[in-house]
Amino acid sequence: MVGMEVDPELREILRRKAASIVREATTCCRVDYGDAVVEVLEPGELRDMLSNCKVVIAFFYTPTCPYCRMLKPVFEEAAGFYRGKALFTAVNLARFPFMSDALGIMGTPTIIAFIRGREAGRLVGLVPPEKLESFIEAALQAGGCN
């Protein structure tokens, strides 16, 4: 209102809140997970990651799967390249077999893109790097994190 002085404390609260809204709208993860690929070590971690990040690219594997071992370095390289735009995570299904049923994973390796906590697409099997790259690019664009 014209002619009214705004309390400096209220002005600071409003400034911080506005900055928080802008930061959340422009960042893809509210939490910095550190590593390029974050290994899921506890069952609830994936759920937390899905709620904290707009785009999560999850690599589901088993240690004995030869195709998983072949795809893992390609996934890690992509994660390093796209770091900061999405969260890349790896889930050992031998450690968490219930996740296969919960997510309908029929074989490994499986890569699932989650956008705002919901599955947006998946790749199954050994895929060429170009296909993985276009899959990630599409997820980033759909999630607004490109």
N, C-alpha and C. Protein backbone atom coordinates (compact mmCIF):
# COMPACT_ATOMS: atom_id res chain seq x y z
N MET A 1 0.84 -1.16 0.00
CA MET A 1 0.00 0.00 0.00
C MET A 1 0.89 1.23 0.00
N VAL A 2 0.48 2.22 -0.73
CA VAL A 2 1.25 3.44 -0.91
C VAL A 2 1.32 4.18 0.42
N GLY A 3 2.52 4.60 0.75
CA GLY A 3 2.72 5.39 1.94
C GLY A 3 2.89 4.58 3.21
N MET A 4 2.71 3.27 3.15
CA MET A 4 2.87 2.44 4.35
C MET A 4 4.28 1.86 4.38
N GLU A 5 4.89 1.90 5.51
CA GLU A 5 6.23 1.36 5.70
C GLU A 5 6.10 -0.13 6.06
N VAL A 6 6.89 -0.98 5.40
CA VAL A 6 6.87 -2.41 5.67
C VAL A 6 7.92 -2.70 6.75
N ASP A 7 7.51 -3.47 7.71
CA ASP A 7 8.38 -3.87 8.80
C ASP A 7 9.63 -4.56 8.22
N PRO A 8 10.85 -4.15 8.61
CA PRO A 8 12.07 -4.75 8.06
C PRO A 8 12.16 -6.26 8.33
N GLU A 9 11.68 -6.69 9.46
CA GLU A 9 11.71 -8.12 9.77
C GLU A 9 10.79 -8.90 8.82
N LEU A 10 9.61 -8.37 8.57
CA LEU A 10 8.68 -8.99 7.64
C LEU A 10 9.25 -8.99 6.23
N ARG A 11 9.89 -7.90 5.83
CA ARG A 11 10.51 -7.81 4.52
C ARG A 11 11.57 -8.91 4.36
N GLU A 12 12.38 -9.14 5.39
CA GLU A 12 13.42 -10.17 5.33
C GLU A 12 12.80 -11.57 5.24
N ILE A 13 11.75 -11.82 5.99
CA ILE A 13 11.06 -13.11 5.92
C ILE A 13 10.52 -13.35 4.51
N LEU A 14 9.89 -12.34 3.94
CA LEU A 14 9.35 -12.46 2.58
C LEU A 14 10.46 -12.67 1.55
N ARG A 15 11.59 -11.98 1.71
CA ARG A 15 12.72 -12.13 0.80
C ARG A 15 13.26 -13.56 0.85
N ARG A 16 13.43 -14.11 2.06
CA ARG A 16 13.94 -15.48 2.21
C ARG A 16 12.97 -16.50 1.62
N LYS A 17 11.68 -16.31 1.85
CA LYS A 17 10.68 -17.22 1.32
C LYS A 17 10.66 -17.18 -0.20
N ALA A 18 10.73 -15.99 -0.78
CA ALA A 18 10.77 -15.86 -2.24
C ALA A 18 12.01 -16.53 -2.81
N ALA A 19 13.15 -16.35 -2.16
CA ALA A 19 14.38 -16.99 -2.62
C ALA A 19 14.26 -18.50 -2.54
N SER A 20 13.63 -19.01 -1.49
CA SER A 20 13.42 -20.45 -1.33
C SER A 20 12.54 -21.01 -2.44
N ILE A 21 11.48 -20.28 -2.78
CA ILE A 21 10.57 -20.72 -3.85
C ILE A 21 11.29 -20.75 -5.19
N VAL A 22 12.07 -19.73 -5.47
CA VAL A 22 12.82 -19.67 -6.73
C VAL A 22 13.84 -20.79 -6.78
N ARG A 23 14.57 -21.02 -5.69
CA ARG A 23 15.58 -22.08 -5.64
C ARG A 23 14.95 -23.44 -5.88
N GLU A 24 13.82 -23.71 -5.23
CA GLU A 24 13.15 -25.00 -5.39
C GLU A 24 12.62 -25.18 -6.80
N ALA A 25 12.15 -24.11 -7.41
CA ALA A 25 11.61 -24.19 -8.77
C ALA A 25 12.70 -24.39 -9.81
N THR A 26 13.90 -23.92 -9.52
CA THR A 26 14.97 -23.98 -10.51
C THR A 26 15.97 -25.10 -10.26
N THR A 27 15.93 -25.78 -9.14
CA THR A 27 16.84 -26.88 -8.89
C THR A 27 16.07 -28.19 -9.00
N CYS A 28 16.77 -29.19 -9.44
CA CYS A 28 16.11 -30.48 -9.64
C CYS A 28 16.15 -31.35 -8.40
N CYS A 29 17.05 -31.09 -7.48
CA CYS A 29 17.12 -31.84 -6.22
C CYS A 29 17.22 -30.86 -5.06
N ARG A 30 16.40 -31.11 -4.05
CA ARG A 30 16.46 -30.28 -2.85
C ARG A 30 17.60 -30.71 -1.94
N VAL A 31 18.16 -31.89 -2.20
CA VAL A 31 19.22 -32.43 -1.37
C VAL A 31 20.42 -32.72 -2.27
N ASP A 32 21.62 -32.37 -1.81
CA ASP A 32 22.83 -32.71 -2.56
C ASP A 32 23.30 -34.07 -2.07
N TYR A 33 23.21 -35.06 -2.93
CA TYR A 33 23.58 -36.42 -2.55
C TYR A 33 25.06 -36.69 -2.74
N GLY A 34 25.80 -35.75 -3.31
CA GLY A 34 27.25 -35.88 -3.40
C GLY A 34 27.73 -36.65 -4.61
N ASP A 35 27.67 -37.95 -4.58
CA ASP A 35 28.24 -38.78 -5.64
C ASP A 35 27.45 -38.67 -6.94
N ALA A 36 28.12 -39.01 -8.05
CA ALA A 36 27.45 -39.01 -9.35
C ALA A 36 26.37 -40.09 -9.37
N VAL A 37 26.69 -41.27 -8.82
CA VAL A 37 25.72 -42.36 -8.69
C VAL A 37 25.62 -42.70 -7.21
N VAL A 38 24.41 -42.63 -6.68
CA VAL A 38 24.19 -42.91 -5.27
C VAL A 38 23.63 -44.32 -5.14
N GLU A 39 24.33 -45.17 -4.42
CA GLU A 39 23.89 -46.54 -4.19
C GLU A 39 22.83 -46.55 -3.09
N VAL A 40 21.71 -47.19 -3.35
CA VAL A 40 20.66 -47.31 -2.34
C VAL A 40 21.10 -48.37 -1.34
N LEU A 41 21.20 -47.97 -0.06
CA LEU A 41 21.66 -48.88 0.98
C LEU A 41 20.56 -49.29 1.97
N GLU A 42 19.48 -48.56 1.99
CA GLU A 42 18.35 -48.83 2.88
C GLU A 42 17.07 -48.80 2.06
N PRO A 43 16.10 -49.62 2.41
CA PRO A 43 14.86 -49.69 1.61
C PRO A 43 14.15 -48.37 1.41
N GLY A 44 14.11 -47.50 2.40
CA GLY A 44 13.38 -46.23 2.28
C GLY A 44 14.12 -45.14 1.53
N GLU A 45 15.39 -45.36 1.23
CA GLU A 45 16.18 -44.32 0.57
C GLU A 45 15.65 -43.95 -0.81
N LEU A 46 15.24 -44.93 -1.59
CA LEU A 46 14.74 -44.63 -2.93
C LEU A 46 13.49 -43.76 -2.83
N ARG A 47 12.61 -44.07 -1.92
CA ARG A 47 11.40 -43.26 -1.72
C ARG A 47 11.77 -41.82 -1.37
N ASP A 48 12.76 -41.64 -0.49
CA ASP A 48 13.21 -40.30 -0.13
C ASP A 48 13.80 -39.57 -1.33
N MET A 49 14.58 -40.28 -2.12
CA MET A 49 15.17 -39.67 -3.32
C MET A 49 14.09 -39.21 -4.28
N LEU A 50 13.06 -40.03 -4.45
CA LEU A 50 11.97 -39.69 -5.37
C LEU A 50 11.21 -38.47 -4.89
N SER A 51 11.13 -38.28 -3.58
CA SER A 51 10.41 -37.11 -3.07
C SER A 51 11.29 -35.86 -3.04
N ASN A 52 12.61 -36.02 -3.06
CA ASN A 52 13.52 -34.88 -3.00
C ASN A 52 14.00 -34.38 -4.35
N CYS A 53 13.84 -35.16 -5.40
CA CYS A 53 14.36 -34.79 -6.72
C CYS A 53 13.27 -34.87 -7.78
N LYS A 54 13.28 -33.90 -8.68
CA LYS A 54 12.30 -33.91 -9.78
C LYS A 54 12.54 -35.08 -10.72
N VAL A 55 13.81 -35.33 -11.05
CA VAL A 55 14.15 -36.41 -11.98
C VAL A 55 15.14 -37.35 -11.31
N VAL A 56 14.78 -38.63 -11.26
CA VAL A 56 15.66 -39.66 -10.73
C VAL A 56 15.80 -40.73 -11.81
N ILE A 57 17.05 -41.05 -12.14
CA ILE A 57 17.33 -42.12 -13.09
C ILE A 57 17.91 -43.27 -12.26
N ALA A 58 17.16 -44.37 -12.17
CA ALA A 58 17.54 -45.48 -11.29
C ALA A 58 17.98 -46.68 -12.11
N PHE A 59 19.13 -47.22 -11.75
CA PHE A 59 19.74 -48.39 -12.39
C PHE A 59 19.52 -49.58 -11.47
N PHE A 60 18.70 -50.53 -11.89
CA PHE A 60 18.41 -51.72 -11.11
C PHE A 60 19.23 -52.87 -11.68
N TYR A 61 20.00 -53.53 -10.81
CA TYR A 61 20.95 -54.54 -11.27
C TYR A 61 21.08 -55.66 -10.25
N THR A 62 21.76 -56.73 -10.68
CA THR A 62 22.20 -57.77 -9.75
C THR A 62 23.69 -57.96 -10.00
N PRO A 63 24.45 -58.27 -8.95
CA PRO A 63 25.90 -58.39 -9.11
C PRO A 63 26.34 -59.51 -10.04
N THR A 64 25.52 -60.54 -10.20
CA THR A 64 25.91 -61.68 -11.03
C THR A 64 25.52 -61.51 -12.50
N CYS A 65 24.82 -60.46 -12.83
CA CYS A 65 24.34 -60.22 -14.20
C CYS A 65 25.47 -59.66 -15.06
N PRO A 66 25.90 -60.39 -16.11
CA PRO A 66 27.00 -59.88 -16.95
C PRO A 66 26.62 -58.61 -17.71
N TYR A 67 25.35 -58.51 -18.12
CA TYR A 67 24.92 -57.31 -18.85
C TYR A 67 24.90 -56.09 -17.92
N CYS A 68 24.57 -56.32 -16.66
CA CYS A 68 24.60 -55.23 -15.68
C CYS A 68 26.03 -54.71 -15.52
N ARG A 69 26.99 -55.64 -15.44
CA ARG A 69 28.38 -55.23 -15.28
C ARG A 69 28.87 -54.47 -16.52
N MET A 70 28.35 -54.81 -17.69
CA MET A 70 28.74 -54.11 -18.91
C MET A 70 28.11 -52.73 -18.98
N LEU A 71 26.88 -52.59 -18.51
CA LEU A 71 26.16 -51.33 -18.60
C LEU A 71 26.53 -50.35 -17.48
N LYS A 72 26.99 -50.88 -16.35
CA LYS A 72 27.28 -50.02 -15.20
C LYS A 72 28.26 -48.89 -15.51
N PRO A 73 29.40 -49.14 -16.18
CA PRO A 73 30.31 -48.02 -16.46
C PRO A 73 29.70 -46.98 -17.41
N VAL A 74 28.84 -47.41 -18.32
CA VAL A 74 28.17 -46.48 -19.23
C VAL A 74 27.21 -45.61 -18.43
N PHE A 75 26.47 -46.23 -17.51
CA PHE A 75 25.54 -45.50 -16.64
C PHE A 75 26.31 -44.50 -15.78
N GLU A 76 27.43 -44.93 -15.20
CA GLU A 76 28.23 -44.05 -14.35
C GLU A 76 28.80 -42.86 -15.14
N GLU A 77 29.21 -43.11 -16.38
CA GLU A 77 29.72 -42.02 -17.21
C GLU A 77 28.61 -41.01 -17.51
N ALA A 78 27.43 -41.52 -17.83
CA ALA A 78 26.28 -40.63 -18.09
C ALA A 78 25.94 -39.84 -16.84
N ALA A 79 25.98 -40.49 -15.69
CA ALA A 79 25.68 -39.81 -14.43
C ALA A 79 26.66 -38.67 -14.18
N GLY A 80 27.94 -38.90 -14.47
CA GLY A 80 28.93 -37.84 -14.31
C GLY A 80 28.67 -36.68 -15.26
N PHE A 81 28.28 -36.99 -16.48
CA PHE A 81 28.02 -35.96 -17.48
C PHE A 81 26.79 -35.12 -17.12
N TYR A 82 25.73 -35.77 -16.63
CA TYR A 82 24.48 -35.08 -16.32
C TYR A 82 24.37 -34.71 -14.84
N ARG A 83 25.44 -34.80 -14.12
CA ARG A 83 25.43 -34.50 -12.69
C ARG A 83 24.87 -33.11 -12.42
N GLY A 84 24.00 -33.02 -11.45
CA GLY A 84 23.38 -31.76 -11.09
C GLY A 84 22.07 -31.51 -11.80
N LYS A 85 21.81 -32.27 -12.86
CA LYS A 85 20.55 -32.11 -13.59
C LYS A 85 19.52 -33.14 -13.14
N ALA A 86 19.99 -34.27 -12.65
CA ALA A 86 19.12 -35.34 -12.15
C ALA A 86 19.90 -36.13 -11.12
N LEU A 87 19.18 -36.90 -10.35
CA LEU A 87 19.83 -37.81 -9.40
C LEU A 87 19.93 -39.17 -10.07
N PHE A 88 21.12 -39.72 -10.07
CA PHE A 88 21.36 -41.06 -10.60
C PHE A 88 21.60 -41.99 -9.43
N THR A 89 20.86 -43.08 -9.40
CA THR A 89 20.97 -44.00 -8.29
C THR A 89 21.06 -45.44 -8.80
N ALA A 90 21.65 -46.29 -7.99
CA ALA A 90 21.79 -47.71 -8.33
C ALA A 90 21.16 -48.54 -7.22
N VAL A 91 20.41 -49.56 -7.62
CA VAL A 91 19.72 -50.42 -6.66
C VAL A 91 20.10 -51.87 -6.95
N ASN A 92 20.71 -52.52 -5.97
CA ASN A 92 21.08 -53.92 -6.07
C ASN A 92 19.85 -54.76 -5.72
N LEU A 93 19.25 -55.39 -6.72
CA LEU A 93 18.02 -56.15 -6.50
C LEU A 93 18.27 -57.45 -5.74
N ALA A 94 19.51 -57.91 -5.68
CA ALA A 94 19.82 -59.07 -4.86
C ALA A 94 19.69 -58.71 -3.38
N ARG A 95 19.95 -57.46 -3.08
CA ARG A 95 19.83 -56.97 -1.71
C ARG A 95 18.38 -56.61 -1.35
N PHE A 96 17.63 -56.13 -2.34
CA PHE A 96 16.24 -55.71 -2.13
C PHE A 96 15.33 -56.41 -3.15
N PRO A 97 15.16 -57.72 -3.05
CA PRO A 97 14.37 -58.44 -4.06
C PRO A 97 12.91 -58.00 -4.13
N PHE A 98 12.36 -57.48 -3.05
CA PHE A 98 10.97 -57.03 -3.05
C PHE A 98 10.74 -55.87 -4.01
N MET A 99 11.79 -55.11 -4.34
CA MET A 99 11.64 -53.99 -5.25
C MET A 99 11.30 -54.46 -6.66
N SER A 100 11.77 -55.65 -7.04
CA SER A 100 11.43 -56.19 -8.36
C SER A 100 9.92 -56.33 -8.50
N ASP A 101 9.30 -56.93 -7.49
CA ASP A 101 7.84 -57.09 -7.52
C ASP A 101 7.14 -55.74 -7.45
N ALA A 102 7.59 -54.89 -6.56
CA ALA A 102 6.93 -53.59 -6.36
C ALA A 102 6.95 -52.74 -7.62
N LEU A 103 8.04 -52.84 -8.39
CA LEU A 103 8.20 -52.00 -9.58
C LEU A 103 7.96 -52.76 -10.89
N GLY A 104 7.63 -54.04 -10.79
CA GLY A 104 7.37 -54.82 -12.00
C GLY A 104 8.61 -55.05 -12.84
N ILE A 105 9.74 -55.20 -12.20
CA ILE A 105 11.00 -55.44 -12.92
C ILE A 105 11.12 -56.93 -13.20
N MET A 106 11.17 -57.28 -14.48
CA MET A 106 11.19 -58.68 -14.89
C MET A 106 12.60 -59.18 -15.22
N GLY A 107 13.53 -58.26 -15.44
CA GLY A 107 14.90 -58.66 -15.77
C GLY A 107 15.85 -57.52 -15.51
N THR A 108 17.13 -57.88 -15.48
CA THR A 108 18.16 -56.87 -15.25
C THR A 108 19.13 -56.90 -16.42
N PRO A 109 19.75 -55.77 -16.70
CA PRO A 109 19.58 -54.47 -16.04
C PRO A 109 18.28 -53.79 -16.49
N THR A 110 17.74 -53.00 -15.61
CA THR A 110 16.59 -52.15 -15.91
C THR A 110 16.90 -50.74 -15.42
N ILE A 111 16.66 -49.77 -16.27
CA ILE A 111 16.85 -48.36 -15.90
C ILE A 111 15.48 -47.71 -15.98
N ILE A 112 15.08 -47.10 -14.87
CA ILE A 112 13.78 -46.43 -14.82
C ILE A 112 13.99 -44.94 -14.58
N ALA A 113 13.30 -44.13 -15.36
CA ALA A 113 13.29 -42.68 -15.15
C ALA A 113 12.04 -42.34 -14.36
N PHE A 114 12.24 -41.67 -13.25
CA PHE A 114 11.13 -41.19 -12.42
C PHE A 114 11.09 -39.67 -12.53
N ILE A 115 9.92 -39.14 -12.79
CA ILE A 115 9.74 -37.69 -12.85
C ILE A 115 8.69 -37.34 -11.81
N ARG A 116 9.11 -36.49 -10.87
CA ARG A 116 8.26 -36.09 -9.75
C ARG A 116 7.66 -37.30 -9.03
N GLY A 117 8.50 -38.32 -8.84
CA GLY A 117 8.12 -39.50 -8.07
C GLY A 117 7.38 -40.58 -8.82
N ARG A 118 7.09 -40.34 -10.09
CA ARG A 118 6.33 -41.32 -10.88
C ARG A 118 7.17 -41.84 -12.03
N GLU A 119 6.99 -43.12 -12.33
CA GLU A 119 7.72 -43.70 -13.45
C GLU A 119 7.32 -43.01 -14.75
N ALA A 120 8.34 -42.62 -15.52
CA ALA A 120 8.09 -41.95 -16.79
C ALA A 120 8.59 -42.77 -17.97
N GLY A 121 9.36 -43.81 -17.71
CA GLY A 121 9.87 -44.66 -18.78
C GLY A 121 10.90 -45.62 -18.24
N ARG A 122 11.17 -46.65 -19.03
CA ARG A 122 12.19 -47.61 -18.61
C ARG A 122 12.89 -48.21 -19.81
N LEU A 123 14.13 -48.62 -19.56
CA LEU A 123 14.94 -49.35 -20.52
C LEU A 123 15.26 -50.69 -19.87
N VAL A 124 15.16 -51.76 -20.64
CA VAL A 124 15.46 -53.09 -20.11
C VAL A 124 16.52 -53.72 -20.98
N GLY A 125 17.52 -54.31 -20.32
CA GLY A 125 18.59 -54.99 -21.03
C GLY A 125 19.77 -54.08 -21.32
N LEU A 126 20.73 -54.65 -22.01
CA LEU A 126 21.93 -53.90 -22.39
C LEU A 126 21.58 -52.99 -23.56
N VAL A 127 21.70 -51.69 -23.34
CA VAL A 127 21.35 -50.71 -24.37
C VAL A 127 22.60 -49.94 -24.78
N PRO A 128 22.66 -49.49 -26.02
CA PRO A 128 23.82 -48.69 -26.45
C PRO A 128 23.83 -47.33 -25.77
N PRO A 129 25.00 -46.74 -25.62
CA PRO A 129 25.10 -45.43 -24.96
C PRO A 129 24.21 -44.37 -25.57
N GLU A 130 24.03 -44.38 -26.88
CA GLU A 130 23.20 -43.37 -27.54
C GLU A 130 21.75 -43.48 -27.08
N LYS A 131 21.27 -44.70 -26.92
CA LYS A 131 19.88 -44.90 -26.47
C LYS A 131 19.72 -44.43 -25.02
N LEU A 132 20.71 -44.72 -24.18
CA LEU A 132 20.68 -44.26 -22.79
C LEU A 132 20.69 -42.74 -22.75
N GLU A 133 21.53 -42.13 -23.58
CA GLU A 133 21.62 -40.66 -23.61
C GLU A 133 20.29 -40.03 -24.02
N SER A 134 19.66 -40.54 -25.06
CA SER A 134 18.38 -39.96 -25.49
C SER A 134 17.29 -40.20 -24.45
N PHE A 135 17.33 -41.32 -23.76
CA PHE A 135 16.39 -41.63 -22.67
C PHE A 135 16.54 -40.60 -21.54
N ILE A 136 17.78 -40.34 -21.14
CA ILE A 136 18.05 -39.36 -20.08
C ILE A 136 17.63 -37.96 -20.51
N GLU A 137 18.00 -37.58 -21.74
CA GLU A 137 17.62 -36.26 -22.26
C GLU A 137 16.10 -36.06 -22.23
N ALA A 138 15.37 -37.08 -22.65
CA ALA A 138 13.90 -37.00 -22.67
C ALA A 138 13.36 -36.84 -21.25
N ALA A 139 13.93 -37.57 -20.29
CA ALA A 139 13.48 -37.46 -18.90
C ALA A 139 13.77 -36.07 -18.33
N LEU A 140 14.96 -35.55 -18.63
CA LEU A 140 15.32 -34.22 -18.14
C LEU A 140 14.41 -33.15 -18.72
N GLN A 141 14.10 -33.26 -19.99
CA GLN A 141 13.22 -32.29 -20.62
C GLN A 141 11.81 -32.40 -20.03
N ALA A 142 11.31 -33.61 -19.86
CA ALA A 142 9.96 -33.79 -19.31
C ALA A 142 9.88 -33.29 -17.86
N GLY A 143 11.00 -33.42 -17.14
CA GLY A 143 11.02 -32.97 -15.74
C GLY A 143 11.40 -31.51 -15.57
N GLY A 144 11.75 -30.83 -16.67
CA GLY A 144 12.14 -29.43 -16.59
C GLY A 144 13.51 -29.21 -15.99
N CYS A 145 14.39 -30.19 -16.16
CA CYS A 145 15.73 -30.11 -15.56
C CYS A 145 16.84 -30.08 -16.60
N ASN A 146 16.55 -29.67 -17.81
CA ASN A 146 17.58 -29.70 -18.84
C ASN A 146 18.37 -28.43 -18.92
